[in-house]
Amino acid sequence: MTRIVAIMGTYRRDGIIEQTVDAILQAAREEGAEVEKIDLKEKSIEFCTNCRKCTGPKAPEVRRTDCIFDDQMAAICDALDRADGIVLAAPVNFFSVTALMKRFLERLLVYVYWPWGRNSLPKPRVKKCDKKAVVMTASACPAFLGRWLLPNPTGVMKSAARLLGAKVVRKLYFGAVCGEEKQRLTPSQVKKAQAAGRLLARTARSR
């Protein structure tokens, strides 16, 4: 069965990000996929110290498992490794993703080869990019301006998907979403989220 795992880095319960993730996963479920939502706010994840213990030893095309921290990040990575499709979603905070998502992204260092003593850039361990991904963000800025003025959130999540061996098949940017404390998705936004979920499930199924 096709497996879809969503990583959600938002502070708000049932806000625009979670509503979108739920719509994506519901559509994927209707396509026959098994889905899982991981709320980073509820997980114990330490901050990466950049000790680079995990980046040095060469290994097959898989992540390293020798992180110095014994927290919930390893279980999250296990779920992502088993996934056929991935959703990465976080709102724009101070021109980038939230600290919740950033902390998670920095711990993906286990997916790179970057030993001490070499002046080269980090290299992805996972060479085969056969999984599929959807990245999603939202901000108070109108969407047409946000895509141009605030490209960092979707950019860093797209890079993270690549580290995980996933090709992004759809990017969602919902703008002008902070008009109300408990704002709801518009019918148009719901349709876009559902279309992304169906596309993700269908393309991930064919990997």
C-alpha atoms as a PDB file:
ATOM      1  CA  MET A   1       0.000   0.000   0.000  1.00  0.00           C
ATOM      2  CA  THR A   2       1.194   3.514  -0.793  1.00  0.00           C
ATOM      3  CA  ARG A   3       2.278   5.291   2.368  1.00  0.00           C
ATOM      4  CA  ILE A   4       2.121   9.081   2.805  1.00  0.00           C
ATOM      5  CA  VAL A   5       3.745  10.822   5.785  1.00  0.00           C
ATOM      6  CA  ALA A   6       3.129  14.497   6.550  1.00  0.00           C
ATOM      7  CA  ILE A   7       5.466  16.591   8.704  1.00  0.00           C
ATOM      8  CA  MET A   8       3.700  19.632  10.122  1.00  0.00           C
ATOM      9  CA  GLY A   9       5.613  22.489  11.762  1.00  0.00           C
ATOM     10  CA  THR A  10       2.989  24.939  12.982  1.00  0.00           C
ATOM     11  CA  TYR A  11       2.143  26.368  16.395  1.00  0.00           C
ATOM     12  CA  ARG A  12      -1.587  26.695  15.757  1.00  0.00           C
ATOM     13  CA  ARG A  13      -4.031  23.855  16.243  1.00  0.00           C
ATOM     14  CA  ASP A  14      -6.482  23.610  13.343  1.00  0.00           C
ATOM     15  CA  GLY A  15      -4.985  26.630  11.616  1.00  0.00           C
ATOM     16  CA  ILE A  16      -4.470  27.054   7.892  1.00  0.00           C
ATOM     17  CA  ILE A  17      -1.472  24.705   7.815  1.00  0.00           C
ATOM     18  CA  GLU A  18      -3.198  21.859   9.645  1.00  0.00           C
ATOM     19  CA  GLN A  19      -6.406  22.306   7.656  1.00  0.00           C
ATOM     20  CA  THR A  20      -4.373  22.044   4.456  1.00  0.00           C
ATOM     21  CA  VAL A  21      -2.434  19.000   5.624  1.00  0.00           C
ATOM     22  CA  ASP A  22      -5.680  17.304   6.650  1.00  0.00           C
ATOM     23  CA  ALA A  23      -7.219  18.017   3.234  1.00  0.00           C
ATOM     24  CA  ILE A  24      -4.133  16.663   1.457  1.00  0.00           C
ATOM     25  CA  LEU A  25      -4.100  13.494   3.553  1.00  0.00           C
ATOM     26  CA  GLN A  26      -7.845  12.930   3.258  1.00  0.00           C
ATOM     27  CA  ALA A  27      -7.607  13.102  -0.539  1.00  0.00           C
ATOM     28  CA  ALA A  28      -4.616  10.753  -0.499  1.00  0.00           C
ATOM     29  CA  ARG A  29      -6.543   8.363   1.755  1.00  0.00           C
ATOM     30  CA  GLU A  30      -9.435   8.375  -0.699  1.00  0.00           C
ATOM     31  CA  GLU A  31      -6.923   7.328  -3.370  1.00  0.00           C
ATOM     32  CA  GLY A  32      -6.124   4.268  -1.273  1.00  0.00           C
ATOM     33  CA  ALA A  33      -3.005   5.524   0.499  1.00  0.00           C
ATOM     34  CA  GLU A  34      -2.131   4.881   4.122  1.00  0.00           C
ATOM     35  CA  VAL A  35      -1.477   8.251   5.751  1.00  0.00           C
ATOM     36  CA  GLU A  36       0.249   9.551   8.882  1.00  0.00           C
ATOM     37  CA  LYS A  37       0.437  13.100  10.246  1.00  0.00           C
ATOM     38  CA  ILE A  38       3.371  14.042  12.464  1.00  0.00           C
ATOM     39  CA  ASP A  39       2.904  17.244  14.463  1.00  0.00           C
ATOM     40  CA  LEU A  40       6.372  18.544  15.364  1.00  0.00           C
ATOM     41  CA  LYS A  41       4.911  20.586  18.238  1.00  0.00           C
ATOM     42  CA  GLU A  42       4.106  17.327  20.003  1.00  0.00           C
ATOM     43  CA  LYS A  43       7.499  15.699  19.449  1.00  0.00           C
ATOM     44  CA  SER A  44      10.639  15.783  21.556  1.00  0.00           C
ATOM     45  CA  ILE A  45      13.424  16.850  19.193  1.00  0.00           C
ATOM     46  CA  GLU A  46      16.734  18.265  20.373  1.00  0.00           C
ATOM     47  CA  PHE A  47      18.547  21.020  18.521  1.00  0.00           C
ATOM     48  CA  CYS A  48      21.363  19.844  16.260  1.00  0.00           C
ATOM     49  CA  THR A  49      24.743  20.858  17.711  1.00  0.00           C
ATOM     50  CA  ASN A  50      26.544  20.380  14.380  1.00  0.00           C
ATOM     51  CA  CYS A  51      28.946  17.922  16.015  1.00  0.00           C
ATOM     52  CA  ARG A  52      28.896  16.069  12.668  1.00  0.00           C
ATOM     53  CA  LYS A  53      29.287  12.655  14.247  1.00  0.00           C
ATOM     54  CA  CYS A  54      26.596  11.404  11.878  1.00  0.00           C
ATOM     55  CA  THR A  55      28.087  12.940   8.734  1.00  0.00           C
ATOM     56  CA  GLY A  56      31.534  11.400   8.600  1.00  0.00           C
ATOM     57  CA  PRO A  57      31.508   7.645   8.098  1.00  0.00           C
ATOM     58  CA  LYS A  58      30.775   6.487   4.591  1.00  0.00           C
ATOM     59  CA  ALA A  59      27.811   4.172   4.306  1.00  0.00           C
ATOM     60  CA  PRO A  60      25.333   2.807   1.766  1.00  0.00           C
ATOM     61  CA  GLU A  61      22.697   5.180   0.427  1.00  0.00           C
ATOM     62  CA  VAL A  62      20.828   5.459   3.721  1.00  0.00           C
ATOM     63  CA  ARG A  63      20.849   7.851   6.641  1.00  0.00           C
ATOM     64  CA  ARG A  64      23.208   7.435   9.561  1.00  0.00           C
ATOM     65  CA  THR A  65      21.686   6.259  12.839  1.00  0.00           C
ATOM     66  CA  ASP A  66      24.477   7.280  15.225  1.00  0.00           C
ATOM     67  CA  CYS A  67      23.128  10.663  16.348  1.00  0.00           C
ATOM     68  CA  ILE A  68      24.237  11.722  19.826  1.00  0.00           C
ATOM     69  CA  PHE A  69      20.623  12.393  20.854  1.00  0.00           C
ATOM     70  CA  ASP A  70      18.144   9.750  21.972  1.00  0.00           C
ATOM     71  CA  ASP A  71      14.895  11.520  21.182  1.00  0.00           C
ATOM     72  CA  GLN A  72      11.940  11.095  18.824  1.00  0.00           C
ATOM     73  CA  MET A  73      13.754  12.209  15.679  1.00  0.00           C
ATOM     74  CA  ALA A  74      14.925   8.689  14.829  1.00  0.00           C
ATOM     75  CA  ALA A  75      11.349   7.392  14.842  1.00  0.00           C
ATOM     76  CA  ILE A  76      10.294  10.248  12.562  1.00  0.00           C
ATOM     77  CA  CYS A  77      13.111   9.418  10.158  1.00  0.00           C
ATOM     78  CA  ASP A  78      12.068   5.749  10.222  1.00  0.00           C
ATOM     79  CA  ALA A  79       8.564   6.785   9.148  1.00  0.00           C
ATOM     80  CA  LEU A  80       9.943   8.985   6.375  1.00  0.00           C
ATOM     81  CA  ASP A  81      12.237   6.219   5.139  1.00  0.00           C
ATOM     82  CA  ARG A  82       9.243   3.884   4.818  1.00  0.00           C
ATOM     83  CA  ALA A  83       7.121   6.502   3.059  1.00  0.00           C
ATOM     84  CA  ASP A  84       6.391   6.612  -0.661  1.00  0.00           C
ATOM     85  CA  GLY A  85       5.137  10.201  -0.445  1.00  0.00           C
ATOM     86  CA  ILE A  86       6.003  13.065   1.885  1.00  0.00           C
ATOM     87  CA  VAL A  87       4.260  16.303   2.847  1.00  0.00           C
ATOM     88  CA  LEU A  88       6.290  19.110   4.438  1.00  0.00           C
ATOM     89  CA  ALA A  89       4.189  22.007   5.716  1.00  0.00           C
ATOM     90  CA  ALA A  90       4.968  25.092   7.803  1.00  0.00           C
ATOM     91  CA  PRO A  91       3.879  28.740   7.779  1.00  0.00           C
ATOM     92  CA  VAL A  92       6.165  31.659   7.053  1.00  0.00           C
ATOM     93  CA  ASN A  93       7.721  33.006  10.253  1.00  0.00           C
ATOM     94  CA  PHE A  94      10.202  35.884  10.045  1.00  0.00           C
ATOM     95  CA  PHE A  95      10.898  35.262   6.340  1.00  0.00           C
ATOM     96  CA  SER A  96      11.509  31.522   6.787  1.00  0.00           C
ATOM     97  CA  VAL A  97       9.831  28.455   8.261  1.00  0.00           C
ATOM     98  CA  THR A  98       8.943  28.181  11.938  1.00  0.00           C
ATOM     99  CA  ALA A  99      11.541  27.219  14.522  1.00  0.00           C
ATOM    100  CA  LEU A 100       9.679  23.912  14.882  1.00  0.00           C
ATOM    101  CA  MET A 101      10.293  23.064  11.236  1.00  0.00           C
ATOM    102  CA  LYS A 102      13.808  24.502  11.203  1.00  0.00           C
ATOM    103  CA  ARG A 103      14.840  22.368  14.165  1.00  0.00           C
ATOM    104  CA  PHE A 104      13.546  19.291  12.320  1.00  0.00           C
ATOM    105  CA  LEU A 105      15.293  20.291   9.085  1.00  0.00           C
ATOM    106  CA  GLU A 106      18.640  20.780  10.793  1.00  0.00           C
ATOM    107  CA  ARG A 107      18.456  17.278  12.233  1.00  0.00           C
ATOM    108  CA  LEU A 108      18.260  15.900   8.667  1.00  0.00           C
ATOM    109  CA  LEU A 109      22.050  16.182   8.679  1.00  0.00           C
ATOM    110  CA  VAL A 110      21.978  12.407   9.184  1.00  0.00           C
ATOM    111  CA  TYR A 111      21.147  12.204   5.463  1.00  0.00           C
ATOM    112  CA  VAL A 112      24.389  13.861   4.300  1.00  0.00           C
ATOM    113  CA  TYR A 113      28.037  12.882   3.983  1.00  0.00           C
ATOM    114  CA  TRP A 114      30.237  15.708   5.260  1.00  0.00           C
ATOM    115  CA  PRO A 115      33.363  14.496   7.065  1.00  0.00           C
ATOM    116  CA  TRP A 116      35.779  16.727   8.916  1.00  0.00           C
ATOM    117  CA  GLY A 117      38.977  17.552   7.051  1.00  0.00           C
ATOM    118  CA  ARG A 118      37.311  18.087   3.680  1.00  0.00           C
ATOM    119  CA  ASN A 119      36.433  21.498   2.297  1.00  0.00           C
ATOM    120  CA  SER A 120      33.669  20.166   0.084  1.00  0.00           C
ATOM    121  CA  LEU A 121      29.974  20.873   0.557  1.00  0.00           C
ATOM    122  CA  PRO A 122      27.691  18.305   2.230  1.00  0.00           C
ATOM    123  CA  LYS A 123      26.623  15.559  -0.166  1.00  0.00           C
ATOM    124  CA  PRO A 124      23.250  13.754   0.014  1.00  0.00           C
ATOM    125  CA  ARG A 125      23.560  10.120   1.020  1.00  0.00           C
ATOM    126  CA  VAL A 126      20.314   9.120  -0.705  1.00  0.00           C
ATOM    127  CA  LYS A 127      21.120   9.117  -4.411  1.00  0.00           C
ATOM    128  CA  LYS A 128      17.880   7.696  -5.762  1.00  0.00           C
ATOM    129  CA  CYS A 129      15.133  10.312  -5.834  1.00  0.00           C
ATOM    130  CA  ASP A 130      12.094   8.096  -6.399  1.00  0.00           C
ATOM    131  CA  LYS A 131       9.729   9.284  -3.691  1.00  0.00           C
ATOM    132  CA  LYS A 132       7.264  12.124  -4.245  1.00  0.00           C
ATOM    133  CA  ALA A 133       6.597  15.184  -2.111  1.00  0.00           C
ATOM    134  CA  VAL A 134       4.304  18.150  -1.620  1.00  0.00           C
ATOM    135  CA  VAL A 135       5.586  21.256   0.175  1.00  0.00           C
ATOM    136  CA  MET A 136       3.172  23.807   1.582  1.00  0.00           C
ATOM    137  CA  THR A 137       3.395  27.173   3.301  1.00  0.00           C
ATOM    138  CA  ALA A 138       1.148  30.134   4.101  1.00  0.00           C
ATOM    139  CA  SER A 139       1.572  33.763   5.112  1.00  0.00           C
ATOM    140  CA  ALA A 140      -0.204  37.076   5.558  1.00  0.00           C
ATOM    141  CA  CYS A 141       1.382  38.274   2.322  1.00  0.00           C
ATOM    142  CA  PRO A 142      -0.749  37.838  -0.815  1.00  0.00           C
ATOM    143  CA  ALA A 143       0.294  34.636  -2.538  1.00  0.00           C
ATOM    144  CA  PHE A 144       1.479  36.256  -5.785  1.00  0.00           C
ATOM    145  CA  LEU A 145       3.833  38.513  -3.785  1.00  0.00           C
ATOM    146  CA  GLY A 146       4.831  35.875  -1.250  1.00  0.00           C
ATOM    147  CA  ARG A 147       6.125  33.480  -3.878  1.00  0.00           C
ATOM    148  CA  TRP A 148       8.433  36.250  -5.095  1.00  0.00           C
ATOM    149  CA  LEU A 149       9.342  38.048  -1.850  1.00  0.00           C
ATOM    150  CA  LEU A 150       9.433  35.045   0.497  1.00  0.00           C
ATOM    151  CA  PRO A 151      10.844  32.068  -1.446  1.00  0.00           C
ATOM    152  CA  ASN A 152      12.860  30.674   1.472  1.00  0.00           C
ATOM    153  CA  PRO A 153      10.178  28.517   3.160  1.00  0.00           C
ATOM    154  CA  THR A 154       9.296  26.475   0.076  1.00  0.00           C
ATOM    155  CA  GLY A 155      12.954  26.464  -0.962  1.00  0.00           C
ATOM    156  CA  VAL A 156      14.288  24.925   2.250  1.00  0.00           C
ATOM    157  CA  MET A 157      11.480  22.369   2.395  1.00  0.00           C
ATOM    158  CA  LYS A 158      12.121  21.417  -1.225  1.00  0.00           C
ATOM    159  CA  SER A 159      15.815  20.886  -0.368  1.00  0.00           C
ATOM    160  CA  ALA A 160      14.797  18.744   2.608  1.00  0.00           C
ATOM    161  CA  ALA A 161      12.574  16.610   0.390  1.00  0.00           C
ATOM    162  CA  ARG A 162      15.545  16.012  -1.897  1.00  0.00           C
ATOM    163  CA  LEU A 163      17.657  14.822   1.053  1.00  0.00           C
ATOM    164  CA  LEU A 164      14.889  12.352   1.858  1.00  0.00           C
ATOM    165  CA  GLY A 165      14.935  11.037  -1.703  1.00  0.00           C
ATOM    166  CA  ALA A 166      11.752  12.789  -2.836  1.00  0.00           C
ATOM    167  CA  LYS A 167      10.915  14.881  -5.882  1.00  0.00           C
ATOM    168  CA  VAL A 168       8.454  17.724  -5.275  1.00  0.00           C
ATOM    169  CA  VAL A 169       5.369  17.292  -7.461  1.00  0.00           C
ATOM    170  CA  ARG A 170       3.378  20.242  -6.097  1.00  0.00           C
ATOM    171  CA  LYS A 171       4.143  23.431  -4.144  1.00  0.00           C
ATOM    172  CA  LEU A 172       1.288  25.190  -2.349  1.00  0.00           C
ATOM    173  CA  TYR A 173       1.488  28.792  -1.154  1.00  0.00           C
ATOM    174  CA  PHE A 174      -1.639  30.200   0.479  1.00  0.00           C
ATOM    175  CA  GLY A 175      -1.512  33.952   1.003  1.00  0.00           C
ATOM    176  CA  ALA A 176      -3.505  36.503   3.012  1.00  0.00           C
ATOM    177  CA  VAL A 177      -4.376  33.928   5.649  1.00  0.00           C
ATOM    178  CA  CYS A 178      -4.077  36.032   8.817  1.00  0.00           C
ATOM    179  CA  GLY A 179      -7.240  38.113   8.574  1.00  0.00           C
ATOM    180  CA  GLU A 180      -9.015  36.240  11.346  1.00  0.00           C
ATOM    181  CA  GLU A 181      -7.915  34.394  14.475  1.00  0.00           C
ATOM    182  CA  LYS A 182      -9.657  31.205  13.379  1.00  0.00           C
ATOM    183  CA  GLN A 183      -9.505  31.563   9.632  1.00  0.00           C
ATOM    184  CA  ARG A 184     -10.784  28.722   7.462  1.00  0.00           C
ATOM    185  CA  LEU A 185      -9.574  27.587   4.084  1.00  0.00           C
ATOM    186  CA  THR A 186     -11.539  28.957   1.165  1.00  0.00           C
ATOM    187  CA  PRO A 187     -13.307  26.462  -1.125  1.00  0.00           C
ATOM    188  CA  SER A 188     -10.640  27.174  -3.749  1.00  0.00           C
ATOM    189  CA  GLN A 189      -7.842  26.412  -1.287  1.00  0.00           C
ATOM    190  CA  VAL A 190      -9.527  23.190  -0.217  1.00  0.00           C
ATOM    191  CA  LYS A 191      -9.725  22.096  -3.854  1.00  0.00           C
ATOM    192  CA  LYS A 192      -6.034  22.887  -4.388  1.00  0.00           C
ATOM    193  CA  ALA A 193      -5.065  20.902  -1.280  1.00  0.00           C
ATOM    194  CA  GLN A 194      -7.204  17.951  -2.312  1.00  0.00           C
ATOM    195  CA  ALA A 195      -5.762  18.023  -5.836  1.00  0.00           C
ATOM    196  CA  ALA A 196      -2.263  17.980  -4.349  1.00  0.00           C
ATOM    197  CA  GLY A 197      -3.175  14.995  -2.171  1.00  0.00           C
ATOM    198  CA  ARG A 198      -4.573  13.043  -5.101  1.00  0.00           C
ATOM    199  CA  LEU A 199      -1.544  13.833  -7.241  1.00  0.00           C
ATOM    200  CA  LEU A 200       0.812  12.820  -4.435  1.00  0.00           C
ATOM    201  CA  ALA A 201      -0.932   9.495  -3.872  1.00  0.00           C
ATOM    202  CA  ARG A 202      -1.062   8.672  -7.580  1.00  0.00           C
ATOM    203  CA  THR A 203       2.533   9.572  -8.367  1.00  0.00           C
ATOM    204  CA  ALA A 204       3.891   7.958  -5.196  1.00  0.00           C
ATOM    205  CA  ARG A 205       2.025   4.760  -6.059  1.00  0.00           C
ATOM    206  CA  SER A 206       3.931   4.479  -9.331  1.00  0.00           C
ATOM    207  CA  ARG A 207       7.443   4.818  -7.873  1.00  0.00           C
END
